[in-house]
Amino acid sequence: DEIIVTNGAIHAMYLVASLYLDKHSSVAFEDPGYPLARQTLALTGAAIVPIAVDEDGLRVDDLPTDGTRLKFVYVTPSHQFPTGQRLSLQRRQALLDWGCRNDVLILEDDYDGEFRYDIAPLSPMAAMCESGPVVYFGTFSKTMFPSLRLGFAAGSKALIKEMSDYRKVTDYQTNTLSQLALAAFIENGEFEKHVQRMRRLYAQKRRCLRDAIANTELAGELTGTDSGINALIRLSTDISATNIADRARLQGIFVTPISRYCQSASVADNALVLGYGAVSEAQIAAGIGKLAAIIRAAG
């Protein structure tokens, strides 16, 4: 009664947005943040209010106090996308308190929280307050593979019923065969074994990324590596991240300037987002070698 299975987390978010948002609504959204989630919420006509993030995640103190009527606050607390920071315990509690006081629903997108390396897990906000104003989104696209279109939302019985009723007049249900196969994979313990194997694999790839940056003396600071499968390289202010990304693309190295994830130019950082989940250690080492050379040539 408190979970709905969907065709991915974005599908679940679309259902919630369709139920509660319109052109008169506003949504507080991490800046920088996940573009597809932002676009999904904006499809309803709602205004997206950018809220900056720092080393402790979403800056809760920056949430509007000027009478702006917010419906939702969107966060990626386990591994902020794309900076890689984690919403601290103090910020989580502050956000929950703020949501309760202002009657605002918190959209908790836990897209890759299973993969953590140097830090102990924090409870999801949805588990910190039994009757809190939170809907939790999960996906199997990171733990399994992207083409498996299975995700879910967990929330109050009333919310899940509204989502289910609305969903019945759109696509009715998620593919049953995929659900049965994944359910069996979970029930027989293979899913947990798989996640543990992938956690070890990604941790090794992360070590390879760190070693490659050290060995090539790449001119940048690596951050956001405590969890997840992407990291951030912060460049010096005299080098353009966008220019570096364009030059790297010509050599088959695909990195993304963090500015592409920002709504406000004032929070844009001179940094590159690096994904290391879908590449081999040999590709990581070779790619970082080329990237380091490009940065040196631009300096």
C-alpha atoms as a PDB file:
ATOM      1  CA  ASP A   1       0.000   0.000   0.000  1.00  0.00           C
ATOM      2  CA  GLU A   2       3.001   2.323   0.370  1.00  0.00           C
ATOM      3  CA  ILE A   3       4.955   1.405  -2.800  1.00  0.00           C
ATOM      4  CA  ILE A   4       4.227   1.762  -6.499  1.00  0.00           C
ATOM      5  CA  VAL A   5       6.380   0.073  -9.160  1.00  0.00           C
ATOM      6  CA  THR A   6       7.002   2.238 -12.219  1.00  0.00           C
ATOM      7  CA  ASN A   7       8.944   2.370 -15.488  1.00  0.00           C
ATOM      8  CA  GLY A   8      11.891   4.038 -13.773  1.00  0.00           C
ATOM      9  CA  ALA A   9      12.203   6.791 -11.182  1.00  0.00           C
ATOM     10  CA  ILE A  10      11.434   9.572 -13.672  1.00  0.00           C
ATOM     11  CA  HIS A  11       8.119   7.894 -14.469  1.00  0.00           C
ATOM     12  CA  ALA A  12       7.262   7.907 -10.753  1.00  0.00           C
ATOM     13  CA  MET A  13       8.228  11.568 -10.537  1.00  0.00           C
ATOM     14  CA  TYR A  14       6.050  12.352 -13.538  1.00  0.00           C
ATOM     15  CA  LEU A  15       3.044  10.775 -11.791  1.00  0.00           C
ATOM     16  CA  VAL A  16       3.549  12.878  -8.654  1.00  0.00           C
ATOM     17  CA  ALA A  17       4.116  16.045 -10.686  1.00  0.00           C
ATOM     18  CA  SER A  18       0.993  15.463 -12.784  1.00  0.00           C
ATOM     19  CA  LEU A  19      -1.110  15.080  -9.656  1.00  0.00           C
ATOM     20  CA  TYR A  20       0.093  18.119  -7.736  1.00  0.00           C
ATOM     21  CA  LEU A  21       1.730  20.676 -10.015  1.00  0.00           C
ATOM     22  CA  ASP A  22       0.382  23.262 -12.431  1.00  0.00           C
ATOM     23  CA  LYS A  23       1.410  26.643 -13.830  1.00  0.00           C
ATOM     24  CA  HIS A  24       0.707  28.275 -10.473  1.00  0.00           C
ATOM     25  CA  SER A  25       3.076  25.961  -8.571  1.00  0.00           C
ATOM     26  CA  SER A  26       6.743  26.289  -7.624  1.00  0.00           C
ATOM     27  CA  VAL A  27       9.371  23.618  -6.971  1.00  0.00           C
ATOM     28  CA  ALA A  28      12.663  24.133  -5.131  1.00  0.00           C
ATOM     29  CA  PHE A  29      15.393  22.287  -7.023  1.00  0.00           C
ATOM     30  CA  GLU A  30      19.082  21.632  -6.399  1.00  0.00           C
ATOM     31  CA  ASP A  31      21.403  23.864  -8.407  1.00  0.00           C
ATOM     32  CA  PRO A  32      23.337  22.271 -10.032  1.00  0.00           C
ATOM     33  CA  GLY A  33      20.943  19.359 -10.415  1.00  0.00           C
ATOM     34  CA  TYR A  34      19.652  16.502 -12.535  1.00  0.00           C
ATOM     35  CA  PRO A  35      18.287  17.979 -15.809  1.00  0.00           C
ATOM     36  CA  LEU A  36      15.790  15.212 -16.625  1.00  0.00           C
ATOM     37  CA  ALA A  37      14.101  15.506 -13.230  1.00  0.00           C
ATOM     38  CA  ARG A  38      13.961  19.283 -13.600  1.00  0.00           C
ATOM     39  CA  GLN A  39      12.457  18.990 -17.074  1.00  0.00           C
ATOM     40  CA  THR A  40       9.894  16.448 -15.867  1.00  0.00           C
ATOM     41  CA  LEU A  41       8.686  18.767 -13.117  1.00  0.00           C
ATOM     42  CA  ALA A  42       8.712  21.794 -15.428  1.00  0.00           C
ATOM     43  CA  LEU A  43       6.478  19.998 -17.972  1.00  0.00           C
ATOM     44  CA  THR A  44       3.522  20.837 -15.740  1.00  0.00           C
ATOM     45  CA  GLY A  45       4.200  24.557 -16.110  1.00  0.00           C
ATOM     46  CA  ALA A  46       5.517  24.843 -12.550  1.00  0.00           C
ATOM     47  CA  ALA A  47       8.248  27.375 -11.812  1.00  0.00           C
ATOM     48  CA  ILE A  48      11.600  25.826 -10.855  1.00  0.00           C
ATOM     49  CA  VAL A  49      13.321  27.718  -8.013  1.00  0.00           C
ATOM     50  CA  PRO A  50      17.084  26.995  -7.946  1.00  0.00           C
ATOM     51  CA  ILE A  51      18.633  26.356  -4.523  1.00  0.00           C
ATOM     52  CA  ALA A  52      22.424  26.181  -4.253  1.00  0.00           C
ATOM     53  CA  VAL A  53      24.312  23.201  -2.822  1.00  0.00           C
ATOM     54  CA  ASP A  54      27.586  23.108  -0.906  1.00  0.00           C
ATOM     55  CA  GLU A  55      29.768  20.464   0.753  1.00  0.00           C
ATOM     56  CA  ASP A  56      26.823  19.474   2.993  1.00  0.00           C
ATOM     57  CA  GLY A  57      24.269  19.281   0.179  1.00  0.00           C
ATOM     58  CA  LEU A  58      21.194  21.445  -0.353  1.00  0.00           C
ATOM     59  CA  ARG A  59      21.417  24.743   1.513  1.00  0.00           C
ATOM     60  CA  VAL A  60      18.196  24.486   3.490  1.00  0.00           C
ATOM     61  CA  ASP A  61      18.603  28.016   4.851  1.00  0.00           C
ATOM     62  CA  ASP A  62      18.268  29.313   1.291  1.00  0.00           C
ATOM     63  CA  LEU A  63      14.761  27.922   0.825  1.00  0.00           C
ATOM     64  CA  PRO A  64      12.309  30.779   0.128  1.00  0.00           C
ATOM     65  CA  THR A  65      10.949  32.748   3.062  1.00  0.00           C
ATOM     66  CA  ASP A  66       9.349  35.500   0.962  1.00  0.00           C
ATOM     67  CA  GLY A  67       5.966  33.864   0.592  1.00  0.00           C
ATOM     68  CA  THR A  68       6.841  31.802  -2.499  1.00  0.00           C
ATOM     69  CA  ARG A  69       4.381  28.920  -2.489  1.00  0.00           C
ATOM     70  CA  LEU A  70       6.391  25.765  -2.933  1.00  0.00           C
ATOM     71  CA  LYS A  71       4.774  22.400  -3.610  1.00  0.00           C
ATOM     72  CA  PHE A  72       7.943  20.277  -3.695  1.00  0.00           C
ATOM     73  CA  VAL A  73      11.614  20.309  -2.796  1.00  0.00           C
ATOM     74  CA  TYR A  74      13.718  17.995  -4.984  1.00  0.00           C
ATOM     75  CA  VAL A  75      16.923  16.538  -3.476  1.00  0.00           C
ATOM     76  CA  THR A  76      19.464  13.781  -4.158  1.00  0.00           C
ATOM     77  CA  PRO A  77      20.680  13.378  -0.558  1.00  0.00           C
ATOM     78  CA  SER A  78      22.711  10.153  -0.808  1.00  0.00           C
ATOM     79  CA  HIS A  79      24.963  11.420  -3.619  1.00  0.00           C
ATOM     80  CA  GLN A  80      24.109  14.867  -4.916  1.00  0.00           C
ATOM     81  CA  PHE A  81      24.072  14.965  -8.677  1.00  0.00           C
ATOM     82  CA  PRO A  82      26.380  16.129 -10.123  1.00  0.00           C
ATOM     83  CA  THR A  83      28.655  17.390  -7.317  1.00  0.00           C
ATOM     84  CA  GLY A  84      28.800  14.059  -5.447  1.00  0.00           C
ATOM     85  CA  GLN A  85      28.252  15.645  -2.019  1.00  0.00           C
ATOM     86  CA  ARG A  86      26.043  14.033   0.617  1.00  0.00           C
ATOM     87  CA  LEU A  87      23.254  15.832   2.468  1.00  0.00           C
ATOM     88  CA  SER A  88      24.479  15.906   6.061  1.00  0.00           C
ATOM     89  CA  LEU A  89      22.417  14.521   8.908  1.00  0.00           C
ATOM     90  CA  GLN A  90      21.855  18.030  10.277  1.00  0.00           C
ATOM     91  CA  ARG A  91      20.638  19.267   6.878  1.00  0.00           C
ATOM     92  CA  ARG A  92      18.341  16.261   6.505  1.00  0.00           C
ATOM     93  CA  GLN A  93      16.683  16.977   9.809  1.00  0.00           C
ATOM     94  CA  ALA A  94      16.468  20.678   9.018  1.00  0.00           C
ATOM     95  CA  LEU A  95      14.836  19.936   5.669  1.00  0.00           C
ATOM     96  CA  LEU A  96      12.329  17.553   7.261  1.00  0.00           C
ATOM     97  CA  ASP A  97      11.442  20.176   9.869  1.00  0.00           C
ATOM     98  CA  TRP A  98      11.097  22.834   7.165  1.00  0.00           C
ATOM     99  CA  GLY A  99       8.872  20.575   5.068  1.00  0.00           C
ATOM    100  CA  CYS A 100       6.580  19.842   8.007  1.00  0.00           C
ATOM    101  CA  ARG A 101       6.287  23.506   8.980  1.00  0.00           C
ATOM    102  CA  ASN A 102       5.550  24.664   5.455  1.00  0.00           C
ATOM    103  CA  ASP A 103       3.485  21.687   4.242  1.00  0.00           C
ATOM    104  CA  VAL A 104       5.872  21.026   1.346  1.00  0.00           C
ATOM    105  CA  LEU A 105       6.492  17.547  -0.074  1.00  0.00           C
ATOM    106  CA  ILE A 106      10.141  16.455  -0.286  1.00  0.00           C
ATOM    107  CA  LEU A 107      11.074  14.423  -3.370  1.00  0.00           C
ATOM    108  CA  GLU A 108      13.972  12.178  -2.280  1.00  0.00           C
ATOM    109  CA  ASP A 109      15.729  10.786  -5.370  1.00  0.00           C
ATOM    110  CA  ASP A 110      18.074   7.982  -4.269  1.00  0.00           C
ATOM    111  CA  TYR A 111      19.429   7.066  -7.694  1.00  0.00           C
ATOM    112  CA  ASP A 112      22.696   5.342  -6.670  1.00  0.00           C
ATOM    113  CA  GLY A 113      22.750   5.218  -2.869  1.00  0.00           C
ATOM    114  CA  GLU A 114      23.774   1.546  -2.888  1.00  0.00           C
ATOM    115  CA  PHE A 115      27.307   2.452  -3.968  1.00  0.00           C
ATOM    116  CA  ARG A 116      29.296   3.986  -1.113  1.00  0.00           C
ATOM    117  CA  TYR A 117      32.944   3.409  -0.233  1.00  0.00           C
ATOM    118  CA  ASP A 118      34.495   5.505   2.542  1.00  0.00           C
ATOM    119  CA  ILE A 119      31.408   6.559   4.454  1.00  0.00           C
ATOM    120  CA  ALA A 120      28.813   4.861   6.616  1.00  0.00           C
ATOM    121  CA  PRO A 121      25.258   4.947   5.237  1.00  0.00           C
ATOM    122  CA  LEU A 122      22.767   7.524   6.452  1.00  0.00           C
ATOM    123  CA  SER A 123      19.117   6.601   6.729  1.00  0.00           C
ATOM    124  CA  PRO A 124      16.932   7.904   3.906  1.00  0.00           C
ATOM    125  CA  MET A 125      14.919  10.920   4.953  1.00  0.00           C
ATOM    126  CA  ALA A 126      11.805   8.861   4.279  1.00  0.00           C
ATOM    127  CA  ALA A 127      12.892   6.575   7.145  1.00  0.00           C
ATOM    128  CA  MET A 128      13.822   9.368   9.544  1.00  0.00           C
ATOM    129  CA  CYS A 129      10.272  10.568  10.101  1.00  0.00           C
ATOM    130  CA  GLU A 130       7.475   8.002   9.906  1.00  0.00           C
ATOM    131  CA  SER A 131       4.825  10.538   8.985  1.00  0.00           C
ATOM    132  CA  GLY A 132       7.188  12.995   7.343  1.00  0.00           C
ATOM    133  CA  PRO A 133       6.411  14.857   4.112  1.00  0.00           C
ATOM    134  CA  VAL A 134       8.638  12.648   1.925  1.00  0.00           C
ATOM    135  CA  VAL A 135       8.192  10.522  -1.180  1.00  0.00           C
ATOM    136  CA  TYR A 136      11.190   8.280  -1.900  1.00  0.00           C
ATOM    137  CA  PHE A 137      12.205   7.427  -5.472  1.00  0.00           C
ATOM    138  CA  GLY A 138      14.381   4.438  -6.330  1.00  0.00           C
ATOM    139  CA  THR A 139      15.601   2.875  -9.555  1.00  0.00           C
ATOM    140  CA  PHE A 140      17.299  -0.308 -10.747  1.00  0.00           C
ATOM    141  CA  SER A 141      18.957   1.418 -13.710  1.00  0.00           C
ATOM    142  CA  LYS A 142      22.205   1.907 -11.743  1.00  0.00           C
ATOM    143  CA  THR A 143      22.272  -1.291  -9.683  1.00  0.00           C
ATOM    144  CA  MET A 144      21.258  -3.508 -12.622  1.00  0.00           C
ATOM    145  CA  PHE A 145      21.297  -1.874 -16.080  1.00  0.00           C
ATOM    146  CA  PRO A 146      19.624   1.152 -17.711  1.00  0.00           C
ATOM    147  CA  SER A 147      17.478  -0.782 -20.195  1.00  0.00           C
ATOM    148  CA  LEU A 148      15.676  -2.508 -17.313  1.00  0.00           C
ATOM    149  CA  ARG A 149      12.924   0.079 -16.981  1.00  0.00           C
ATOM    150  CA  LEU A 150      11.999  -0.596 -13.357  1.00  0.00           C
ATOM    151  CA  GLY A 151      11.770   1.950 -10.575  1.00  0.00           C
ATOM    152  CA  PHE A 152       9.510   2.700  -7.656  1.00  0.00           C
ATOM    153  CA  ALA A 153       8.162   5.326  -5.317  1.00  0.00           C
ATOM    154  CA  ALA A 154       7.497   4.863  -1.614  1.00  0.00           C
ATOM    155  CA  GLY A 155       5.238   7.213   0.317  1.00  0.00           C
ATOM    156  CA  SER A 156       2.068   7.503   2.327  1.00  0.00           C
ATOM    157  CA  LYS A 157      -0.844   5.192   1.525  1.00  0.00           C
ATOM    158  CA  ALA A 158      -2.922   8.156   0.375  1.00  0.00           C
ATOM    159  CA  LEU A 159      -0.224   9.397  -1.997  1.00  0.00           C
ATOM    160  CA  ILE A 160       0.492   5.961  -3.466  1.00  0.00           C
ATOM    161  CA  LYS A 161      -3.239   5.368  -4.040  1.00  0.00           C
ATOM    162  CA  GLU A 162      -3.549   8.669  -5.889  1.00  0.00           C
ATOM    163  CA  MET A 163      -0.528   7.783  -8.029  1.00  0.00           C
ATOM    164  CA  SER A 164      -1.936   4.312  -8.758  1.00  0.00           C
ATOM    165  CA  ASP A 165      -5.378   5.637  -9.688  1.00  0.00           C
ATOM    166  CA  TYR A 166      -3.871   8.242 -11.998  1.00  0.00           C
ATOM    167  CA  ARG A 167      -1.517   5.715 -13.554  1.00  0.00           C
ATOM    168  CA  LYS A 168      -4.391   3.363 -14.481  1.00  0.00           C
ATOM    169  CA  VAL A 169      -5.654   5.827 -17.082  1.00  0.00           C
ATOM    170  CA  THR A 170      -2.221   6.287 -18.696  1.00  0.00           C
ATOM    171  CA  ASP A 171      -0.145   3.088 -19.058  1.00  0.00           C
ATOM    172  CA  TYR A 172      -1.868   0.860 -16.478  1.00  0.00           C
ATOM    173  CA  GLN A 173       1.121  -1.193 -15.270  1.00  0.00           C
ATOM    174  CA  THR A 174       4.810  -2.002 -15.601  1.00  0.00           C
ATOM    175  CA  ASN A 175       5.920  -5.082 -17.553  1.00  0.00           C
ATOM    176  CA  THR A 176       5.023  -8.082 -15.387  1.00  0.00           C
ATOM    177  CA  LEU A 177       7.704 -10.460 -16.676  1.00  0.00           C
ATOM    178  CA  SER A 178      10.490  -8.014 -15.772  1.00  0.00           C
ATOM    179  CA  GLN A 179       9.011  -7.560 -12.309  1.00  0.00           C
ATOM    180  CA  LEU A 180       8.755 -11.313 -11.700  1.00  0.00           C
ATOM    181  CA  ALA A 181      12.334 -11.909 -12.854  1.00  0.00           C
ATOM    182  CA  LEU A 182      13.723  -9.123 -10.672  1.00  0.00           C
ATOM    183  CA  ALA A 183      11.599 -10.217  -7.700  1.00  0.00           C
ATOM    184  CA  ALA A 184      13.050 -13.737  -7.948  1.00  0.00           C
ATOM    185  CA  PHE A 185      16.556 -12.273  -8.243  1.00  0.00           C
ATOM    186  CA  ILE A 186      15.978 -10.323  -5.023  1.00  0.00           C
ATOM    187  CA  GLU A 187      14.234 -13.105  -3.102  1.00  0.00           C
ATOM    188  CA  ASN A 188      16.950 -15.689  -3.695  1.00  0.00           C
ATOM    189  CA  GLY A 189      19.660 -13.327  -2.468  1.00  0.00           C
ATOM    190  CA  GLU A 190      21.353 -12.782  -5.822  1.00  0.00           C
ATOM    191  CA  PHE A 191      20.552  -9.082  -5.972  1.00  0.00           C
ATOM    192  CA  GLU A 192      22.417  -8.345  -2.735  1.00  0.00           C
ATOM    193  CA  LYS A 193      25.397 -10.398  -3.930  1.00  0.00           C
ATOM    194  CA  HIS A 194      25.333  -8.507  -7.217  1.00  0.00           C
ATOM    195  CA  VAL A 195      25.311  -5.110  -5.487  1.00  0.00           C
ATOM    196  CA  GLN A 196      28.266  -6.168  -3.304  1.00  0.00           C
ATOM    197  CA  ARG A 197      30.214  -7.301  -6.376  1.00  0.00           C
ATOM    198  CA  MET A 198      29.475  -4.050  -8.198  1.00  0.00           C
ATOM    199  CA  ARG A 199      30.427  -2.009  -5.138  1.00  0.00           C
ATOM    200  CA  ARG A 200      33.846  -3.693  -5.142  1.00  0.00           C
ATOM    201  CA  LEU A 201      34.213  -3.198  -8.897  1.00  0.00           C
ATOM    202  CA  TYR A 202      33.314   0.494  -8.768  1.00  0.00           C
ATOM    203  CA  ALA A 203      35.602   1.027  -5.780  1.00  0.00           C
ATOM    204  CA  GLN A 204      38.466  -0.425  -7.823  1.00  0.00           C
ATOM    205  CA  LYS A 205      37.583   1.838 -10.757  1.00  0.00           C
ATOM    206  CA  ARG A 206      37.556   4.789  -8.394  1.00  0.00           C
ATOM    207  CA  ARG A 207      41.053   3.844  -7.183  1.00  0.00           C
ATOM    208  CA  CYS A 208      42.147   3.618 -10.799  1.00  0.00           C
ATOM    209  CA  LEU A 209      40.734   7.111 -11.432  1.00  0.00           C
ATOM    210  CA  ARG A 210      42.578   8.527  -8.421  1.00  0.00           C
ATOM    211  CA  ASP A 211      45.837   6.825  -9.403  1.00  0.00           C
ATOM    212  CA  ALA A 212      45.566   8.016 -13.003  1.00  0.00           C
ATOM    213  CA  ILE A 213      45.054  11.610 -11.876  1.00  0.00           C
ATOM    214  CA  ALA A 214      48.041  11.380  -9.524  1.00  0.00           C
ATOM    215  CA  ASN A 215      50.289   9.689 -12.103  1.00  0.00           C
ATOM    216  CA  THR A 216      49.516  12.202 -14.843  1.00  0.00           C
ATOM    217  CA  GLU A 217      49.645  15.142 -12.433  1.00  0.00           C
ATOM    218  CA  LEU A 218      46.339  16.337 -13.823  1.00  0.00           C
ATOM    219  CA  ALA A 219      45.832  19.960 -12.810  1.00  0.00           C
ATOM    220  CA  GLY A 220      42.569  19.730 -10.903  1.00  0.00           C
ATOM    221  CA  GLU A 221      40.998  18.728  -7.599  1.00  0.00           C
ATOM    222  CA  LEU A 222      39.050  15.453  -7.532  1.00  0.00           C
ATOM    223  CA  THR A 223      35.928  15.593  -5.326  1.00  0.00           C
ATOM    224  CA  GLY A 224      32.653  13.740  -4.818  1.00  0.00           C
ATOM    225  CA  THR A 225      34.193  10.252  -4.682  1.00  0.00           C
ATOM    226  CA  ASP A 226      32.834   8.937  -1.368  1.00  0.00           C
ATOM    227  CA  SER A 227      29.980   7.211  -3.173  1.00  0.00           C
ATOM    228  CA  GLY A 228      28.298   6.791  -6.544  1.00  0.00           C
ATOM    229  CA  ILE A 229      29.832   6.232  -9.989  1.00  0.00           C
ATOM    230  CA  ASN A 230      30.703   9.779 -11.003  1.00  0.00           C
ATOM    231  CA  ALA A 231      33.123  12.366  -9.666  1.00  0.00           C
ATOM    232  CA  LEU A 232      34.085  15.993 -10.169  1.00  0.00           C
ATOM    233  CA  ILE A 233      37.342  17.574 -11.313  1.00  0.00           C
ATOM    234  CA  ARG A 234      37.577  21.208 -10.226  1.00  0.00           C
ATOM    235  CA  LEU A 235      39.827  23.223 -12.531  1.00  0.00           C
ATOM    236  CA  SER A 236      41.715  26.446 -11.936  1.00  0.00           C
ATOM    237  CA  THR A 237      39.831  29.611 -12.806  1.00  0.00           C
ATOM    238  CA  ASP A 238      42.134  30.427 -15.737  1.00  0.00           C
ATOM    239  CA  ILE A 239      41.012  27.307 -17.647  1.00  0.00           C
ATOM    240  CA  SER A 240      37.567  26.952 -19.230  1.00  0.00           C
ATOM    241  CA  ALA A 241      35.856  23.657 -18.366  1.00  0.00           C
ATOM    242  CA  THR A 242      33.628  24.024 -21.427  1.00  0.00           C
ATOM    243  CA  ASN A 243      36.646  24.502 -23.672  1.00  0.00           C
ATOM    244  CA  ILE A 244      38.377  21.458 -22.152  1.00  0.00           C
ATOM    245  CA  ALA A 245      35.261  19.322 -22.670  1.00  0.00           C
ATOM    246  CA  ASP A 246      35.011  20.395 -26.320  1.00  0.00           C
ATOM    247  CA  ARG A 247      38.663  19.560 -26.970  1.00  0.00           C
ATOM    248  CA  ALA A 248      38.370  16.232 -25.143  1.00  0.00           C
ATOM    249  CA  ARG A 249      35.357  15.217 -27.229  1.00  0.00           C
ATOM    250  CA  LEU A 250      37.447  15.506 -30.384  1.00  0.00           C
ATOM    251  CA  GLN A 251      39.699  12.809 -28.913  1.00  0.00           C
ATOM    252  CA  GLY A 252      36.852  10.520 -27.874  1.00  0.00           C
ATOM    253  CA  ILE A 253      36.893  11.578 -24.203  1.00  0.00           C
ATOM    254  CA  PHE A 254      33.427  12.502 -22.978  1.00  0.00           C
ATOM    255  CA  VAL A 255      33.288  14.729 -19.905  1.00  0.00           C
ATOM    256  CA  THR A 256      30.645  17.316 -19.063  1.00  0.00           C
ATOM    257  CA  PRO A 257      31.120  20.887 -17.789  1.00  0.00           C
ATOM    258  CA  ILE A 258      29.159  21.257 -14.564  1.00  0.00           C
ATOM    259  CA  SER A 259      27.686  24.489 -15.931  1.00  0.00           C
ATOM    260  CA  ARG A 260      25.362  22.381 -18.101  1.00  0.00           C
ATOM    261  CA  TYR A 261      23.612  21.226 -14.934  1.00  0.00           C
ATOM    262  CA  CYS A 262      23.217  24.724 -13.477  1.00  0.00           C
ATOM    263  CA  GLN A 263      20.202  27.002 -13.706  1.00  0.00           C
ATOM    264  CA  SER A 264      21.939  30.043 -12.277  1.00  0.00           C
ATOM    265  CA  ALA A 265      25.229  31.270 -13.721  1.00  0.00           C
ATOM    266  CA  SER A 266      26.143  32.556 -10.260  1.00  0.00           C
ATOM    267  CA  VAL A 267      26.522  28.996  -8.898  1.00  0.00           C
ATOM    268  CA  ALA A 268      28.271  27.528 -11.939  1.00  0.00           C
ATOM    269  CA  ASP A 269      31.632  26.050 -10.969  1.00  0.00           C
ATOM    270  CA  ASN A 270      34.626  25.600 -13.253  1.00  0.00           C
ATOM    271  CA  ALA A 271      34.523  21.823 -13.066  1.00  0.00           C
ATOM    272  CA  LEU A 272      34.104  18.679 -15.156  1.00  0.00           C
ATOM    273  CA  VAL A 273      31.815  15.750 -14.339  1.00  0.00           C
ATOM    274  CA  LEU A 274      33.502  12.376 -14.883  1.00  0.00           C
ATOM    275  CA  GLY A 275      31.533   9.135 -15.075  1.00  0.00           C
ATOM    276  CA  TYR A 276      33.538   5.955 -14.429  1.00  0.00           C
ATOM    277  CA  GLY A 277      30.878   3.256 -14.084  1.00  0.00           C
ATOM    278  CA  ALA A 278      30.657   2.100 -17.706  1.00  0.00           C
ATOM    279  CA  VAL A 279      34.353   2.225 -18.683  1.00  0.00           C
ATOM    280  CA  SER A 280      37.205  -0.180 -18.041  1.00  0.00           C
ATOM    281  CA  GLU A 281      40.264   0.583 -15.915  1.00  0.00           C
ATOM    282  CA  ALA A 282      42.362   0.704 -19.081  1.00  0.00           C
ATOM    283  CA  GLN A 283      39.968   3.262 -20.576  1.00  0.00           C
ATOM    284  CA  ILE A 284      40.047   5.314 -17.380  1.00  0.00           C
ATOM    285  CA  ALA A 285      43.861   5.438 -17.373  1.00  0.00           C
ATOM    286  CA  ALA A 286      44.068   6.289 -21.080  1.00  0.00           C
ATOM    287  CA  GLY A 287      41.273   8.852 -20.868  1.00  0.00           C
ATOM    288  CA  ILE A 288      42.776  10.668 -17.899  1.00  0.00           C
ATOM    289  CA  GLY A 289      46.130  10.708 -19.655  1.00  0.00           C
ATOM    290  CA  LYS A 290      44.612  12.464 -22.674  1.00  0.00           C
ATOM    291  CA  LEU A 291      42.553  14.795 -20.476  1.00  0.00           C
ATOM    292  CA  ALA A 292      45.649  15.807 -18.477  1.00  0.00           C
ATOM    293  CA  ALA A 293      47.496  16.618 -21.694  1.00  0.00           C
ATOM    294  CA  ILE A 294      44.589  18.734 -22.948  1.00  0.00           C
ATOM    295  CA  ILE A 295      44.464  20.676 -19.673  1.00  0.00           C
ATOM    296  CA  ARG A 296      48.238  21.278 -19.715  1.00  0.00           C
ATOM    297  CA  ALA A 297      48.036  22.553 -23.287  1.00  0.00           C
ATOM    298  CA  ALA A 298      45.225  24.943 -22.323  1.00  0.00           C
ATOM    299  CA  GLY A 299      47.009  26.274 -19.244  1.00  0.00           C
END
